[in-house]
PDB file of N, CA and C in Angstrom:
ATOM      1  N   MET A   1      72.289 113.937 129.132  1.00  0.00           N
ATOM      2  CA  MET A   1      72.350 114.838 128.071  1.00  0.00           C
ATOM      3  C   MET A   1      73.668 114.743 127.232  1.00  0.00           C
ATOM      4  N   ARG A   2      74.708 114.272 127.857  1.00  0.00           N
ATOM      5  CA  ARG A   2      76.535 114.282 126.860  1.00  0.00           C
ATOM      6  C   ARG A   2      75.691 113.008 125.985  1.00  0.00           C
ATOM      7  N   LYS A   3      75.468 111.974 127.089  1.00  0.00           N
ATOM      8  CA  LYS A   3      75.276 110.525 126.080  1.00  0.00           C
ATOM      9  C   LYS A   3      73.880 110.706 124.993  1.00  0.00           C
ATOM     10  N   LEU A   4      73.553 111.204 125.200  1.00  0.00           N
ATOM     11  CA  LEU A   4      72.298 112.016 123.925  1.00  0.00           C
ATOM     12  C   LEU A   4      73.017 112.345 122.662  1.00  0.00           C
ATOM     13  N   VAL A   5      73.770 113.401 123.091  1.00  0.00           N
ATOM     14  CA  VAL A   5      74.529 113.723 121.978  1.00  0.00           C
ATOM     15  C   VAL A   5      75.397 113.402 121.401  1.00  0.00           C
ATOM     16  N   LEU A   6      76.042 112.055 121.860  1.00  0.00           N
ATOM     17  CA  LEU A   6      76.884 111.584 121.477  1.00  0.00           C
ATOM     18  C   LEU A   6      76.426 110.535 120.911  1.00  0.00           C
ATOM     19  N   TRP A   7      75.125 110.042 121.134  1.00  0.00           N
ATOM     20  CA  TRP A   7      74.452 108.541 120.464  1.00  0.00           C
ATOM     21  C   TRP A   7      74.023 109.621 118.813  1.00  0.00           C
ATOM     22  N   LEU A   8      73.193 111.127 119.264  1.00  0.00           N
ATOM     23  CA  LEU A   8      72.822 111.587 117.823  1.00  0.00           C
ATOM     24  C   LEU A   8      73.668 111.778 117.083  1.00  0.00           C
ATOM     25  N   LEU A   9      74.791 111.970 117.501  1.00  0.00           N
ATOM     26  CA  LEU A   9      76.299 111.995 116.525  1.00  0.00           C
ATOM     27  C   LEU A   9      76.371 111.124 115.683  1.00  0.00           C
ATOM     28  N   VAL A  10      76.375 109.656 116.326  1.00  0.00           N
ATOM     29  CA  VAL A  10      76.925 108.395 116.155  1.00  0.00           C
ATOM     30  C   VAL A  10      76.189 108.076 114.886  1.00  0.00           C
ATOM     31  N   LEU A  11      74.232 108.012 115.302  1.00  0.00           N
ATOM     32  CA  LEU A  11      73.594 107.589 114.639  1.00  0.00           C
ATOM     33  C   LEU A  11      73.681 108.517 113.156  1.00  0.00           C
ATOM     34  N   GLY A  12      74.096 109.931 113.520  1.00  0.00           N
ATOM     35  CA  GLY A  12      74.183 110.855 112.000  1.00  0.00           C
ATOM     36  C   GLY A  12      75.182 110.469 111.164  1.00  0.00           C
ATOM     37  N   LEU A  13      76.421 110.054 111.796  1.00  0.00           N
ATOM     38  CA  LEU A  13      77.563 109.392 111.219  1.00  0.00           C
ATOM     39  C   LEU A  13      76.928 108.260 110.094  1.00  0.00           C
ATOM     40  N   ILE A  14      76.458 107.423 110.967  1.00  0.00           N
ATOM     41  CA  ILE A  14      76.127 106.252 110.188  1.00  0.00           C
ATOM     42  C   ILE A  14      74.995 106.312 109.253  1.00  0.00           C
ATOM     43  N   GLY A  15      74.177 107.381 108.953  1.00  0.00           N
ATOM     44  CA  GLY A  15      73.397 107.903 107.864  1.00  0.00           C
ATOM     45  C   GLY A  15      73.876 107.906 107.166  1.00  0.00           C
ATOM     46  N   ASN A  16      75.212 108.931 106.995  1.00  0.00           N
ATOM     47  CA  ASN A  16      75.452 109.564 105.914  1.00  0.00           C
ATOM     48  C   ASN A  16      76.378 108.638 105.758  1.00  0.00           C
ATOM     49  N   LEU A  17      77.025 107.595 106.235  1.00  0.00           N
ATOM     50  CA  LEU A  17      78.192 106.515 105.479  1.00  0.00           C
ATOM     51  C   LEU A  17      77.027 105.765 104.930  1.00  0.00           C
ATOM     52  N   ALA A  18      76.327 105.397 105.333  1.00  0.00           N
ATOM     53  CA  ALA A  18      75.353 104.444 104.446  1.00  0.00           C
ATOM     54  C   ALA A  18      74.601 105.053 103.422  1.00  0.00           C
ATOM     55  N   GLY A  19      74.713 106.214 103.624  1.00  0.00           N
ATOM     56  CA  GLY A  19      73.981 107.201 102.439  1.00  0.00           C
ATOM     57  C   GLY A  19      72.021 106.996 102.544  1.00  0.00           C
ATOM     58  N   CYS A  20      72.242 106.919 103.905  1.00  0.00           N
ATOM     59  CA  CYS A  20      70.128 107.212 104.067  1.00  0.00           C
ATOM     60  C   CYS A  20      69.571 108.406 103.539  1.00  0.00           C
ATOM     61  N   PRO A  21      68.562 108.006 103.192  1.00  0.00           N
ATOM     62  CA  PRO A  21      67.714 109.225 102.630  1.00  0.00           C
ATOM     63  C   PRO A  21      67.509 110.398 104.270  1.00  0.00           C
ATOM     64  N   GLY A  22      67.854 111.424 103.690  1.00  0.00           N
ATOM     65  CA  GLY A  22      67.814 112.110 104.743  1.00  0.00           C
ATOM     66  C   GLY A  22      68.209 112.746 105.563  1.00  0.00           C
ATOM     67  N   SER A  23      69.973 112.083 105.605  1.00  0.00           N
ATOM     68  CA  SER A  23      71.194 112.446 105.896  1.00  0.00           C
ATOM     69  C   SER A  23      71.064 113.400 105.258  1.00  0.00           C
ATOM     70  N   ALA A  24      72.479 114.497 105.856  1.00  0.00           N
ATOM     71  CA  ALA A  24      73.106 115.743 105.209  1.00  0.00           C
ATOM     72  C   ALA A  24      73.681 115.499 104.170  1.00  0.00           C
ATOM     73  N   SER A  25      74.989 114.292 104.258  1.00  0.00           N
ATOM     74  CA  SER A  25      75.419 114.482 103.005  1.00  0.00           C
ATOM     75  C   SER A  25      75.457 113.272 101.961  1.00  0.00           C
ATOM     76  N   ALA A  26      73.765 112.795 102.132  1.00  0.00           N
ATOM     77  CA  ALA A  26      73.753 111.359 101.593  1.00  0.00           C
ATOM     78  C   ALA A  26      74.103 111.890 100.220  1.00  0.00           C
ATOM     79  N   VAL A  27      74.344 110.483  99.877  1.00  0.00           N
ATOM     80  CA  VAL A  27      75.310 110.162  98.147  1.00  0.00           C
ATOM     81  C   VAL A  27      74.754 109.409  97.305  1.00  0.00           C
ATOM     82  N   PRO A  28      73.642 109.458  96.516  1.00  0.00           N
ATOM     83  CA  PRO A  28      72.755 108.887  95.710  1.00  0.00           C
ATOM     84  C   PRO A  28      73.716 107.797  95.112  1.00  0.00           C
ATOM     85  N   LEU A  29      73.347 106.295  95.280  1.00  0.00           N
ATOM     86  CA  LEU A  29      74.110 105.539  94.359  1.00  0.00           C
ATOM     87  C   LEU A  29      73.715 105.390  93.089  1.00  0.00           C
ATOM     88  N   ILE A  30      74.821 105.647  92.244  1.00  0.00           N
ATOM     89  CA  ILE A  30      74.350 106.167  90.667  1.00  0.00           C
ATOM     90  C   ILE A  30      74.918 104.809  89.849  1.00  0.00           C
ATOM     91  N   ALA A  31      74.213 103.678  89.129  1.00  0.00           N
ATOM     92  CA  ALA A  31      75.043 103.095  88.117  1.00  0.00           C
ATOM     93  C   ALA A  31      75.617 103.979  87.001  1.00  0.00           C
ATOM     94  N   SER A  32      76.490 103.190  86.256  1.00  0.00           N
ATOM     95  CA  SER A  32      77.051 103.545  85.048  1.00  0.00           C
ATOM     96  C   SER A  32      77.030 103.189  84.125  1.00  0.00           C
ATOM     97  N   ILE A  33      76.710 103.713  82.445  1.00  0.00           N
ATOM     98  CA  ILE A  33      76.864 103.018  81.469  1.00  0.00           C
ATOM     99  C   ILE A  33      77.770 103.417  80.839  1.00  0.00           C
ATOM    100  N   ASN A  34      78.422 103.197  79.805  1.00  0.00           N
ATOM    101  CA  ASN A  34      79.456 103.240  78.964  1.00  0.00           C
ATOM    102  C   ASN A  34      79.066 103.910  77.479  1.00  0.00           C
ATOM    103  N   ILE A  35      79.922 104.743  77.587  1.00  0.00           N
ATOM    104  CA  ILE A  35      78.933 105.814  76.198  1.00  0.00           C
ATOM    105  C   ILE A  35      78.962 104.767  74.904  1.00  0.00           C
ATOM    106  N   ALA A  36      79.221 103.800  75.098  1.00  0.00           N
ATOM    107  CA  ALA A  36      79.293 102.857  73.638  1.00  0.00           C
ATOM    108  C   ALA A  36      77.901 101.821  73.242  1.00  0.00           C
ATOM    109  N   GLU A  37      76.867 102.025  75.380  1.00  0.00           N
ATOM    110  CA  GLU A  37      76.016 101.628  75.347  1.00  0.00           C
ATOM    111  C   GLU A  37      74.688 102.576  75.327  1.00  0.00           C
ATOM    112  N   LEU A  38      75.257 103.701  75.072  1.00  0.00           N
ATOM    113  CA  LEU A  38      74.031 104.739  74.915  1.00  0.00           C
ATOM    114  C   LEU A  38      73.177 104.786  73.074  1.00  0.00           C
ATOM    115  N   PRO A  39      72.310 105.228  73.349  1.00  0.00           N
ATOM    116  CA  PRO A  39      71.330 104.883  71.767  1.00  0.00           C
ATOM    117  C   PRO A  39      72.326 105.885  71.006  1.00  0.00           C
ATOM    118  N   ARG A  40      72.568 106.152  70.212  1.00  0.00           N
ATOM    119  CA  ARG A  40      72.891 106.718  68.841  1.00  0.00           C
ATOM    120  C   ARG A  40      72.493 108.444  69.011  1.00  0.00           C
ATOM    121  N   GLU A  41      71.473 108.248  69.200  1.00  0.00           N
ATOM    122  CA  GLU A  41      70.555 109.366  69.450  1.00  0.00           C
ATOM    123  C   GLU A  41      71.257 110.467  70.748  1.00  0.00           C
ATOM    124  N   ALA A  42      71.390 109.332  71.564  1.00  0.00           N
ATOM    125  CA  ALA A  42      72.370 110.005  73.371  1.00  0.00           C
ATOM    126  C   ALA A  42      73.926 110.559  72.710  1.00  0.00           C
ATOM    127  N   SER A  43      74.153 110.032  72.233  1.00  0.00           N
ATOM    128  CA  SER A  43      76.038 110.563  71.342  1.00  0.00           C
ATOM    129  C   SER A  43      76.004 111.617  70.351  1.00  0.00           C
ATOM    130  N   VAL A  44      74.912 112.041  69.604  1.00  0.00           N
ATOM    131  CA  VAL A  44      74.721 112.976  69.036  1.00  0.00           C
ATOM    132  C   VAL A  44      74.557 114.404  69.998  1.00  0.00           C
ATOM    133  N   THR A  45      73.473 113.785  70.835  1.00  0.00           N
ATOM    134  CA  THR A  45      73.043 114.796  71.816  1.00  0.00           C
ATOM    135  C   THR A  45      74.369 115.094  72.851  1.00  0.00           C
ATOM    136  N   LEU A  46      75.684 114.236  72.846  1.00  0.00           N
ATOM    137  CA  LEU A  46      76.488 114.854  73.770  1.00  0.00           C
ATOM    138  C   LEU A  46      77.735 115.713  72.845  1.00  0.00           C
ATOM    139  N   ARG A  47      77.709 115.218  71.851  1.00  0.00           N
ATOM    140  CA  ARG A  47      78.501 116.193  70.734  1.00  0.00           C
ATOM    141  C   ARG A  47      78.396 117.175  71.025  1.00  0.00           C
ATOM    142  N   LEU A  48      76.952 117.559  70.708  1.00  0.00           N
ATOM    143  CA  LEU A  48      76.219 118.967  70.839  1.00  0.00           C
ATOM    144  C   LEU A  48      76.424 119.299  72.012  1.00  0.00           C
ATOM    145  N   ILE A  49      76.439 118.976  72.873  1.00  0.00           N
ATOM    146  CA  ILE A  49      76.893 119.655  74.645  1.00  0.00           C
ATOM    147  C   ILE A  49      78.063 119.999  74.544  1.00  0.00           C
ATOM    148  N   GLU A  50      79.059 119.237  74.230  1.00  0.00           N
ATOM    149  CA  GLU A  50      80.587 119.352  73.960  1.00  0.00           C
ATOM    150  C   GLU A  50      80.780 121.013  72.839  1.00  0.00           C
ATOM    151  N   ARG A  51      79.911 120.734  71.833  1.00  0.00           N
ATOM    152  CA  ARG A  51      79.969 121.683  70.537  1.00  0.00           C
ATOM    153  C   ARG A  51      79.551 123.315  71.704  1.00  0.00           C
ATOM    154  N   GLY A  52      78.841 123.051  72.400  1.00  0.00           N
ATOM    155  CA  GLY A  52      77.910 124.449  72.814  1.00  0.00           C
ATOM    156  C   GLY A  52      76.399 124.555  71.769  1.00  0.00           C
ATOM    157  N   GLY A  53      76.166 123.302  71.040  1.00  0.00           N
ATOM    158  CA  GLY A  53      74.971 123.613  70.307  1.00  0.00           C
ATOM    159  C   GLY A  53      75.428 123.501  68.813  1.00  0.00           C
ATOM    160  N   PRO A  54      74.127 124.127  67.943  1.00  0.00           N
ATOM    161  CA  PRO A  54      72.716 124.339  68.192  1.00  0.00           C
ATOM    162  C   PRO A  54      71.890 123.160  68.682  1.00  0.00           C
ATOM    163  N   PHE A  55      71.191 123.446  69.672  1.00  0.00           N
ATOM    164  CA  PHE A  55      70.271 122.579  70.216  1.00  0.00           C
ATOM    165  C   PHE A  55      68.702 122.492  69.269  1.00  0.00           C
ATOM    166  N   PRO A  56      68.429 121.462  69.133  1.00  0.00           N
ATOM    167  CA  PRO A  56      67.162 121.010  68.593  1.00  0.00           C
ATOM    168  C   PRO A  56      66.029 121.529  69.250  1.00  0.00           C
ATOM    169  N   HIS A  57      66.263 121.751  70.900  1.00  0.00           N
ATOM    170  CA  HIS A  57      64.932 121.796  71.917  1.00  0.00           C
ATOM    171  C   HIS A  57      64.908 123.145  72.206  1.00  0.00           C
ATOM    172  N   ARG A  58      64.330 123.992  71.837  1.00  0.00           N
ATOM    173  CA  ARG A  58      63.889 125.632  73.341  1.00  0.00           C
ATOM    174  C   ARG A  58      64.479 125.119  74.526  1.00  0.00           C
ATOM    175  N   ARG A  59      64.230 124.204  75.267  1.00  0.00           N
ATOM    176  CA  ARG A  59      64.326 123.870  76.805  1.00  0.00           C
ATOM    177  C   ARG A  59      66.145 123.158  77.074  1.00  0.00           C
ATOM    178  N   ASP A  60      66.288 122.753  75.819  1.00  0.00           N
ATOM    179  CA  ASP A  60      67.729 122.561  76.046  1.00  0.00           C
ATOM    180  C   ASP A  60      68.672 123.016  76.422  1.00  0.00           C
ATOM    181  N   GLY A  61      69.816 123.178  77.635  1.00  0.00           N
ATOM    182  CA  GLY A  61      70.484 123.954  78.499  1.00  0.00           C
ATOM    183  C   GLY A  61      69.872 124.496  79.679  1.00  0.00           C
ATOM    184  N   VAL A  62      68.593 124.346  79.599  1.00  0.00           N
ATOM    185  CA  VAL A  62      68.138 124.734  81.251  1.00  0.00           C
ATOM    186  C   VAL A  62      68.833 124.068  82.094  1.00  0.00           C
ATOM    187  N   VAL A  63      68.552 124.562  83.465  1.00  0.00           N
ATOM    188  CA  VAL A  63      69.076 124.430  84.547  1.00  0.00           C
ATOM    189  C   VAL A  63      68.463 123.123  84.979  1.00  0.00           C
ATOM    190  N   PHE A  64      69.158 122.072  85.642  1.00  0.00           N
ATOM    191  CA  PHE A  64      68.225 121.009  85.944  1.00  0.00           C
ATOM    192  C   PHE A  64      68.135 121.033  87.622  1.00  0.00           C
ATOM    193  N   VAL A  65      67.356 120.959  88.112  1.00  0.00           N
ATOM    194  CA  VAL A  65      67.204 121.337  89.540  1.00  0.00           C
ATOM    195  C   VAL A  65      67.339 120.031  90.274  1.00  0.00           C
ATOM    196  N   ASN A  66      67.355 119.095  90.335  1.00  0.00           N
ATOM    197  CA  ASN A  66      67.639 117.568  90.824  1.00  0.00           C
ATOM    198  C   ASN A  66      66.668 117.625  92.051  1.00  0.00           C
ATOM    199  N   HIS A  67      65.388 118.110  91.941  1.00  0.00           N
ATOM    200  CA  HIS A  67      64.299 118.222  92.827  1.00  0.00           C
ATOM    201  C   HIS A  67      64.427 116.610  93.861  1.00  0.00           C
ATOM    202  N   GLU A  68      64.625 115.515  93.262  1.00  0.00           N
ATOM    203  CA  GLU A  68      64.208 114.261  93.661  1.00  0.00           C
ATOM    204  C   GLU A  68      65.745 113.917  94.603  1.00  0.00           C
ATOM    205  N   LYS A  69      66.825 114.604  94.290  1.00  0.00           N
ATOM    206  CA  LYS A  69      68.085 113.900  94.541  1.00  0.00           C
ATOM    207  C   LYS A  69      68.482 112.625  94.471  1.00  0.00           C
ATOM    208  N   HIS A  70      68.155 112.484  93.213  1.00  0.00           N
ATOM    209  CA  HIS A  70      68.809 111.234  92.301  1.00  0.00           C
ATOM    210  C   HIS A  70      70.193 111.724  91.893  1.00  0.00           C
ATOM    211  N   LEU A  71      70.614 112.916  91.934  1.00  0.00           N
ATOM    212  CA  LEU A  71      72.013 112.957  91.332  1.00  0.00           C
ATOM    213  C   LEU A  71      72.880 113.756  92.775  1.00  0.00           C
ATOM    214  N   PRO A  72      74.126 113.380  92.896  1.00  0.00           N
ATOM    215  CA  PRO A  72      74.834 114.214  94.103  1.00  0.00           C
ATOM    216  C   PRO A  72      74.185 115.478  93.888  1.00  0.00           C
ATOM    217  N   ILE A  73      74.165 116.041  95.397  1.00  0.00           N
ATOM    218  CA  ILE A  73      73.735 117.268  95.592  1.00  0.00           C
ATOM    219  C   ILE A  73      75.234 118.012  95.171  1.00  0.00           C
ATOM    220  N   LYS A  74      74.276 119.247  94.415  1.00  0.00           N
ATOM    221  CA  LYS A  74      74.973 120.558  94.007  1.00  0.00           C
ATOM    222  C   LYS A  74      74.347 121.939  94.184  1.00  0.00           C
ATOM    223  N   PRO A  75      75.071 122.857  93.986  1.00  0.00           N
ATOM    224  CA  PRO A  75      74.547 124.028  93.954  1.00  0.00           C
ATOM    225  C   PRO A  75      73.362 124.476  92.966  1.00  0.00           C
ATOM    226  N   ARG A  76      72.452 124.985  92.721  1.00  0.00           N
ATOM    227  CA  ARG A  76      71.521 125.233  91.711  1.00  0.00           C
ATOM    228  C   ARG A  76      72.193 125.739  90.573  1.00  0.00           C
ATOM    229  N   GLY A  77      72.311 125.220  89.370  1.00  0.00           N
ATOM    230  CA  GLY A  77      73.054 125.758  88.443  1.00  0.00           C
ATOM    231  C   GLY A  77      74.077 124.984  88.060  1.00  0.00           C
ATOM    232  N   THR A  78      74.312 124.141  88.563  1.00  0.00           N
ATOM    233  CA  THR A  78      75.703 122.967  88.387  1.00  0.00           C
ATOM    234  C   THR A  78      75.081 121.932  87.316  1.00  0.00           C
ATOM    235  N   TYR A  79      73.718 121.683  87.070  1.00  0.00           N
ATOM    236  CA  TYR A  79      73.097 120.725  86.423  1.00  0.00           C
ATOM    237  C   TYR A  79      72.401 121.649  85.250  1.00  0.00           C
ATOM    238  N   HIS A  80      72.854 121.035  84.123  1.00  0.00           N
ATOM    239  CA  HIS A  80      71.576 121.673  82.727  1.00  0.00           C
ATOM    240  C   HIS A  80      71.563 120.059  81.798  1.00  0.00           C
ATOM    241  N   GLU A  81      70.059 119.907  81.575  1.00  0.00           N
ATOM    242  CA  GLU A  81      69.563 119.182  80.738  1.00  0.00           C
ATOM    243  C   GLU A  81      69.192 119.050  79.158  1.00  0.00           C
ATOM    244  N   TYR A  82      69.540 118.345  78.519  1.00  0.00           N
ATOM    245  CA  TYR A  82      69.083 118.178  76.975  1.00  0.00           C
ATOM    246  C   TYR A  82      68.781 117.031  76.488  1.00  0.00           C
ATOM    247  N   THR A  83      67.744 117.009  75.515  1.00  0.00           N
ATOM    248  CA  THR A  83      66.826 116.104  74.919  1.00  0.00           C
ATOM    249  C   THR A  83      67.759 114.854  74.354  1.00  0.00           C
ATOM    250  N   VAL A  84      67.019 114.052  74.325  1.00  0.00           N
ATOM    251  CA  VAL A  84      67.728 112.961  73.564  1.00  0.00           C
ATOM    252  C   VAL A  84      66.578 112.299  72.851  1.00  0.00           C
ATOM    253  N   PRO A  85      66.658 112.866  71.211  1.00  0.00           N
ATOM    254  CA  PRO A  85      65.208 112.334  70.494  1.00  0.00           C
ATOM    255  C   PRO A  85      65.190 111.057  71.110  1.00  0.00           C
ATOM    256  N   THR A  86      63.549 110.445  70.519  1.00  0.00           N
ATOM    257  CA  THR A  86      63.179 109.416  70.686  1.00  0.00           C
ATOM    258  C   THR A  86      62.386 108.736  69.082  1.00  0.00           C
ATOM    259  N   PRO A  87      63.273 107.939  68.232  1.00  0.00           N
ATOM    260  CA  PRO A  87      62.657 107.942  67.097  1.00  0.00           C
ATOM    261  C   PRO A  87      61.306 107.656  67.259  1.00  0.00           C
ATOM    262  N   GLY A  88      60.746 107.889  66.414  1.00  0.00           N
ATOM    263  CA  GLY A  88      59.070 108.104  66.124  1.00  0.00           C
ATOM    264  C   GLY A  88      57.966 109.165  67.056  1.00  0.00           C
ATOM    265  N   LEU A  89      58.918 109.735  67.707  1.00  0.00           N
ATOM    266  CA  LEU A  89      58.100 110.478  68.996  1.00  0.00           C
ATOM    267  C   LEU A  89      58.058 111.907  68.367  1.00  0.00           C
ATOM    268  N   ARG A  90      57.091 112.900  68.517  1.00  0.00           N
ATOM    269  CA  ARG A  90      57.014 114.233  68.039  1.00  0.00           C
ATOM    270  C   ARG A  90      57.816 115.336  69.034  1.00  0.00           C
ATOM    271  N   GLY A  91      57.188 114.953  70.186  1.00  0.00           N
ATOM    272  CA  GLY A  91      58.044 115.936  71.195  1.00  0.00           C
ATOM    273  C   GLY A  91      59.239 115.400  71.662  1.00  0.00           C
ATOM    274  N   ARG A  92      59.527 115.749  72.986  1.00  0.00           N
ATOM    275  CA  ARG A  92      60.855 115.449  73.310  1.00  0.00           C
ATOM    276  C   ARG A  92      61.178 114.028  73.992  1.00  0.00           C
ATOM    277  N   GLY A  93      59.847 113.583  74.498  1.00  0.00           N
ATOM    278  CA  GLY A  93      60.075 112.245  75.054  1.00  0.00           C
ATOM    279  C   GLY A  93      60.840 112.170  76.605  1.00  0.00           C
ATOM    280  N   ALA A  94      61.236 111.184  76.896  1.00  0.00           N
ATOM    281  CA  ALA A  94      61.553 110.676  78.642  1.00  0.00           C
ATOM    282  C   ALA A  94      63.263 111.134  78.431  1.00  0.00           C
ATOM    283  N   ARG A  95      63.930 110.865  77.426  1.00  0.00           N
ATOM    284  CA  ARG A  95      65.023 110.670  77.432  1.00  0.00           C
ATOM    285  C   ARG A  95      65.809 111.777  77.283  1.00  0.00           C
ATOM    286  N   ARG A  96      66.785 112.040  78.673  1.00  0.00           N
ATOM    287  CA  ARG A  96      67.461 113.198  78.848  1.00  0.00           C
ATOM    288  C   ARG A  96      69.291 113.250  79.112  1.00  0.00           C
ATOM    289  N   ILE A  97      69.993 113.760  79.089  1.00  0.00           N
ATOM    290  CA  ILE A  97      71.001 114.043  79.827  1.00  0.00           C
ATOM    291  C   ILE A  97      71.090 114.864  80.297  1.00  0.00           C
ATOM    292  N   ILE A  98      72.068 114.786  81.529  1.00  0.00           N
ATOM    293  CA  ILE A  98      72.202 115.905  82.812  1.00  0.00           C
ATOM    294  C   ILE A  98      73.484 116.027  82.451  1.00  0.00           C
ATOM    295  N   ALA A  99      74.093 117.789  82.063  1.00  0.00           N
ATOM    296  CA  ALA A  99      75.678 117.698  82.115  1.00  0.00           C
ATOM    297  C   ALA A  99      75.535 118.458  83.307  1.00  0.00           C
ATOM    298  N   SER A 100      76.923 118.106  84.142  1.00  0.00           N
ATOM    299  CA  SER A 100      77.524 118.525  85.034  1.00  0.00           C
ATOM    300  C   SER A 100      78.559 120.032  85.152  1.00  0.00           C
ATOM    301  N   GLU A 101      78.308 120.908  85.779  1.00  0.00           N
ATOM    302  CA  GLU A 101      79.266 122.140  85.664  1.00  0.00           C
ATOM    303  C   GLU A 101      81.200 121.614  85.832  1.00  0.00           C
ATOM    304  N   THR A 102      81.188 120.456  86.655  1.00  0.00           N
ATOM    305  CA  THR A 102      82.247 119.487  86.696  1.00  0.00           C
ATOM    306  C   THR A 102      82.507 118.165  85.797  1.00  0.00           C
ATOM    307  N   GLY A 103      81.564 118.166  84.777  1.00  0.00           N
ATOM    308  CA  GLY A 103      82.182 117.404  83.629  1.00  0.00           C
ATOM    309  C   GLY A 103      81.659 116.314  83.840  1.00  0.00           C
ATOM    310  N   GLU A 104      80.747 115.841  84.442  1.00  0.00           N
ATOM    311  CA  GLU A 104      79.768 114.528  84.569  1.00  0.00           C
ATOM    312  C   GLU A 104      78.968 114.633  83.831  1.00  0.00           C
ATOM    313  N   TYR A 105      78.501 113.354  83.089  1.00  0.00           N
ATOM    314  CA  TYR A 105      77.468 113.431  82.409  1.00  0.00           C
ATOM    315  C   TYR A 105      76.484 112.433  83.065  1.00  0.00           C
ATOM    316  N   TYR A 106      75.060 112.335  82.564  1.00  0.00           N
ATOM    317  CA  TYR A 106      74.351 111.392  83.482  1.00  0.00           C
ATOM    318  C   TYR A 106      72.870 111.175  82.611  1.00  0.00           C
ATOM    319  N   TYR A 107      72.697 110.202  82.191  1.00  0.00           N
ATOM    320  CA  TYR A 107      71.789 109.656  81.198  1.00  0.00           C
ATOM    321  C   TYR A 107      70.518 109.290  82.348  1.00  0.00           C
ATOM    322  N   THR A 108      69.160 109.418  81.695  1.00  0.00           N
ATOM    323  CA  THR A 108      67.891 108.927  82.280  1.00  0.00           C
ATOM    324  C   THR A 108      67.027 108.799  80.477  1.00  0.00           C
ATOM    325  N   ASP A 109      66.329 107.733  80.708  1.00  0.00           N
ATOM    326  CA  ASP A 109      65.532 107.527  79.526  1.00  0.00           C
ATOM    327  C   ASP A 109      63.996 107.172  80.417  1.00  0.00           C
ATOM    328  N   ASP A 110      64.111 107.290  81.607  1.00  0.00           N
ATOM    329  CA  ASP A 110      62.757 107.300  82.026  1.00  0.00           C
ATOM    330  C   ASP A 110      62.116 108.475  82.920  1.00  0.00           C
ATOM    331  N   HIS A 111      62.866 109.605  81.987  1.00  0.00           N
ATOM    332  CA  HIS A 111      62.419 111.270  82.683  1.00  0.00           C
ATOM    333  C   HIS A 111      62.580 111.279  84.404  1.00  0.00           C
ATOM    334  N   TYR A 112      63.856 111.126  84.644  1.00  0.00           N
ATOM    335  CA  TYR A 112      64.406 111.237  85.808  1.00  0.00           C
ATOM    336  C   TYR A 112      63.771 110.796  86.910  1.00  0.00           C
ATOM    337  N   ARG A 113      63.369 109.610  86.580  1.00  0.00           N
ATOM    338  CA  ARG A 113      63.303 108.725  87.567  1.00  0.00           C
ATOM    339  C   ARG A 113      64.378 107.405  88.182  1.00  0.00           C
ATOM    340  N   SER A 114      65.670 107.042  87.000  1.00  0.00           N
ATOM    341  CA  SER A 114      66.899 106.999  87.686  1.00  0.00           C
ATOM    342  C   SER A 114      67.638 107.972  86.480  1.00  0.00           C
ATOM    343  N   PHE A 115      68.987 107.364  86.707  1.00  0.00           N
ATOM    344  CA  PHE A 115      69.991 108.321  86.201  1.00  0.00           C
ATOM    345  C   PHE A 115      71.220 106.580  86.084  1.00  0.00           C
ATOM    346  N   ARG A 116      72.048 107.216  85.113  1.00  0.00           N
ATOM    347  CA  ARG A 116      73.057 105.977  84.746  1.00  0.00           C
ATOM    348  C   ARG A 116      74.472 107.295  84.424  1.00  0.00           C
ATOM    349  N   LYS A 117      75.462 107.093  85.015  1.00  0.00           N
ATOM    350  CA  LYS A 117      76.728 108.100  85.024  1.00  0.00           C
ATOM    351  C   LYS A 117      77.346 107.311  83.662  1.00  0.00           C
ATOM    352  N   ILE A 118      77.496 108.330  82.699  1.00  0.00           N
ATOM    353  CA  ILE A 118      78.077 108.261  81.724  1.00  0.00           C
ATOM    354  C   ILE A 118      79.622 108.138  81.696  1.00  0.00           C
ATOM    355  N   SER A 119      80.369 106.512  81.418  1.00  0.00           N
ATOM    356  CA  SER A 119      81.426 106.962  81.487  1.00  0.00           C
ATOM    357  C   SER A 119      82.034 106.300  79.968  1.00  0.00           C
ATOM    358  N   GLU A 120      83.285 106.643  79.935  1.00  0.00           N
ATOM    359  CA  GLU A 120      83.860 106.352  79.068  1.00  0.00           C
ATOM    360  C   GLU A 120      84.637 104.850  78.248  1.00  0.00           C
TER     361      GLU A 120
END
């Protein structure tokens, strides 16, 4: 029994170190994008976030729940989403900036399937 517990502990630690899905503290690997590489509209959205608005879309600022766990796991309410307009589209489109209460910003242009951390 003792060997089994030790073995399970080792497997759990390996899973955590490797960032395996399902491990308790798995941290997703997120590519980064420089702020200068973002579309112009994303830079405008970032400035609006930093100013506190006003935002053009009624859903801007709502809590982003991170259901798919593509971003680091944080308590509910840590992340908020904001629309990055797509030229030529009437609706919100797929582009968003996710702002963390801890000061990180993430960009997605494929409606939450992938994220890149915004760096300066």
